[in-house]
Amino acid sequence: MQRRTLLSAVSSGAIMYSAGCLGGGEDGISEDAEVIEVHDDGFEPIRLEVEPGTTVGWEHHLSGGRDMELRSTTFDDAATEWELSERTDSFVEHTFEEEGVYHFYENIITKWAGCGAVIVGDVEQDEPLPCE
């Protein structure tokens, strides 16, 4: 009876471990995602150009064990309205299906210091971002 319990536990653990490994990269972000790092002084890169259908992952690199709090916004008329509102201590992913300029900021850094844009497809962001 104990052997059956042990084998069941080992099998369940192996399945859970395998499922986690197939779902993403080392930090949990999908292996094919473009990555934006979130640091205490802002994003790296501030602007990211991708093709429609691309997944973008924001990766937590903030000090002091605090969460990152990502929000969507529009800094100018060229921006595309979209929804992003996530608070986490690890990562956030979003797949951009439509062409457009998608602005975002990290709420704890401040809207003007920690801002960025994902530029999807054949569009341009001519105006400087408030954090540039």
Protein backbone atom coordinates (compact mmCIF):
# COMPACT_ATOMS: atom_id res chain seq x y z
CA MET A 1 0.00 0.00 0.00
CA GLN A 2 2.80 2.44 0.84
CA ARG A 3 4.54 1.67 -2.47
CA ARG A 4 1.36 2.56 -4.41
CA THR A 5 1.04 5.86 -2.53
CA LEU A 6 4.70 6.69 -3.20
CA LEU A 7 4.41 5.88 -6.93
CA SER A 8 1.24 7.96 -7.21
CA ALA A 9 2.93 10.96 -5.55
CA VAL A 10 6.05 10.66 -7.71
CA SER A 11 3.97 10.36 -10.91
CA SER A 12 1.84 13.40 -10.02
CA GLY A 13 4.94 15.45 -9.24
CA ALA A 14 6.60 14.48 -12.53
CA ILE A 15 3.50 15.47 -14.51
CA MET A 16 3.28 18.84 -12.73
CA TYR A 17 7.00 19.47 -13.26
CA SER A 18 6.77 18.61 -16.97
CA ALA A 19 3.73 20.83 -17.48
CA GLY A 20 5.55 23.78 -15.91
CA CYS A 21 8.63 23.27 -18.07
CA LEU A 22 6.66 23.15 -21.31
CA GLY A 23 4.70 26.31 -20.50
CA GLY A 24 7.53 28.85 -20.51
CA GLY A 25 11.14 29.79 -20.20
CA GLU A 26 13.38 29.88 -17.17
CA ASP A 27 11.49 32.80 -15.57
CA GLY A 28 8.04 31.62 -16.62
CA ILE A 29 7.76 33.89 -19.66
CA SER A 30 6.97 32.05 -22.90
CA GLU A 31 10.14 31.11 -24.75
CA ASP A 32 9.03 32.89 -27.93
CA ALA A 33 7.99 36.12 -26.14
CA GLU A 34 9.74 39.46 -26.54
CA VAL A 35 10.83 40.61 -23.08
CA ILE A 36 10.64 44.04 -21.44
CA GLU A 37 12.51 44.23 -18.13
CA VAL A 38 10.94 46.29 -15.34
CA HIS A 39 13.63 48.01 -13.24
CA ASP A 40 13.51 50.58 -10.44
CA ASP A 41 14.32 53.37 -12.90
CA GLY A 42 12.05 52.26 -15.75
CA PHE A 43 11.71 49.77 -18.59
CA GLU A 44 14.35 48.17 -20.81
CA PRO A 45 13.61 48.73 -23.64
CA ILE A 46 11.28 51.74 -23.37
CA ARG A 47 10.02 51.12 -26.92
CA LEU A 48 9.59 47.66 -28.40
CA GLU A 49 8.63 47.07 -32.04
CA VAL A 50 6.91 43.75 -32.83
CA GLU A 51 4.70 42.14 -35.46
CA PRO A 52 1.00 41.38 -34.86
CA GLY A 53 0.55 38.09 -33.01
CA THR A 54 3.67 38.61 -30.88
CA THR A 55 3.59 37.89 -27.16
CA VAL A 56 5.35 40.43 -24.95
CA GLY A 57 6.43 39.58 -21.42
CA TRP A 58 7.21 42.14 -18.74
CA GLU A 59 9.79 40.67 -16.36
CA HIS A 60 10.12 41.80 -12.72
CA HIS A 61 13.54 43.22 -11.75
CA LEU A 62 12.46 45.62 -8.99
CA SER A 63 14.43 45.80 -5.76
CA GLY A 64 13.18 45.46 -2.22
CA GLY A 65 10.85 42.54 -2.86
CA ARG A 66 8.03 44.81 -4.05
CA ASP A 67 5.49 43.96 -6.72
CA MET A 68 5.33 45.57 -10.14
CA GLU A 69 2.00 47.13 -11.05
CA LEU A 70 1.55 47.53 -14.81
CA ARG A 71 -1.17 49.74 -16.30
CA SER A 72 -2.25 50.65 -19.83
CA THR A 73 -2.63 54.32 -20.74
CA THR A 74 -2.60 56.72 -23.69
CA PHE A 75 0.04 59.48 -23.76
CA ASP A 76 -1.03 60.99 -27.10
CA ASP A 77 -3.56 60.74 -29.93
CA ALA A 78 -1.53 58.07 -31.78
CA ALA A 79 -2.04 55.57 -28.95
CA THR A 80 -4.35 52.58 -29.22
CA GLU A 81 -6.74 52.06 -26.31
CA TRP A 82 -6.24 48.72 -24.56
CA GLU A 83 -6.56 47.11 -21.15
CA LEU A 84 -3.64 46.12 -18.94
CA SER A 85 -3.89 46.13 -15.16
CA GLU A 86 -1.67 43.59 -13.42
CA ARG A 87 0.15 43.47 -10.08
CA THR A 88 2.70 40.69 -9.60
CA ASP A 89 6.15 39.80 -8.27
CA SER A 90 7.18 37.77 -11.33
CA PHE A 91 5.99 38.46 -14.88
CA VAL A 92 3.06 39.50 -17.05
CA GLU A 93 2.39 38.49 -20.67
CA HIS A 94 0.15 39.97 -23.35
CA THR A 95 -0.27 38.95 -27.01
CA PHE A 96 -0.73 41.89 -29.38
CA GLU A 97 -3.00 40.83 -32.26
CA GLU A 98 -3.76 44.22 -33.83
CA GLU A 99 -1.44 46.88 -35.27
CA GLY A 100 -1.15 49.95 -33.09
CA VAL A 101 0.85 51.86 -30.50
CA TYR A 102 0.26 50.52 -27.00
CA HIS A 103 1.41 52.72 -24.09
CA PHE A 104 1.97 51.40 -20.58
CA TYR A 105 3.48 52.45 -17.26
CA GLU A 106 4.51 50.94 -13.97
CA ASN A 107 2.24 52.47 -11.34
CA ILE A 108 4.70 52.28 -8.44
CA ILE A 109 7.67 53.83 -10.32
CA THR A 110 5.34 56.70 -11.44
CA LYS A 111 3.55 57.30 -14.68
CA TRP A 112 6.23 59.68 -16.00
CA ALA A 113 9.40 57.82 -15.00
CA GLY A 114 8.36 54.24 -15.74
CA CYS A 115 6.59 54.38 -19.07
CA GLY A 116 6.95 52.61 -22.40
CA ALA A 117 5.36 51.63 -25.68
CA VAL A 118 4.85 48.46 -27.68
CA ILE A 119 4.65 49.37 -31.35
CA VAL A 120 2.85 46.63 -33.28
CA GLY A 121 3.09 46.34 -37.05
CA ASP A 122 3.66 49.06 -39.61
CA VAL A 123 2.84 52.08 -37.42
CA GLU A 124 4.96 54.80 -35.85
CA GLN A 125 5.23 56.54 -32.50
CA ASP A 126 6.44 60.01 -33.56
CA GLU A 127 5.86 61.85 -30.31
CA PRO A 128 8.36 61.32 -27.50
CA LEU A 129 7.06 59.46 -24.48
CA PRO A 130 6.88 61.45 -21.21
CA CYS A 131 9.75 59.36 -19.80
CA GLU A 132 12.10 59.97 -22.75
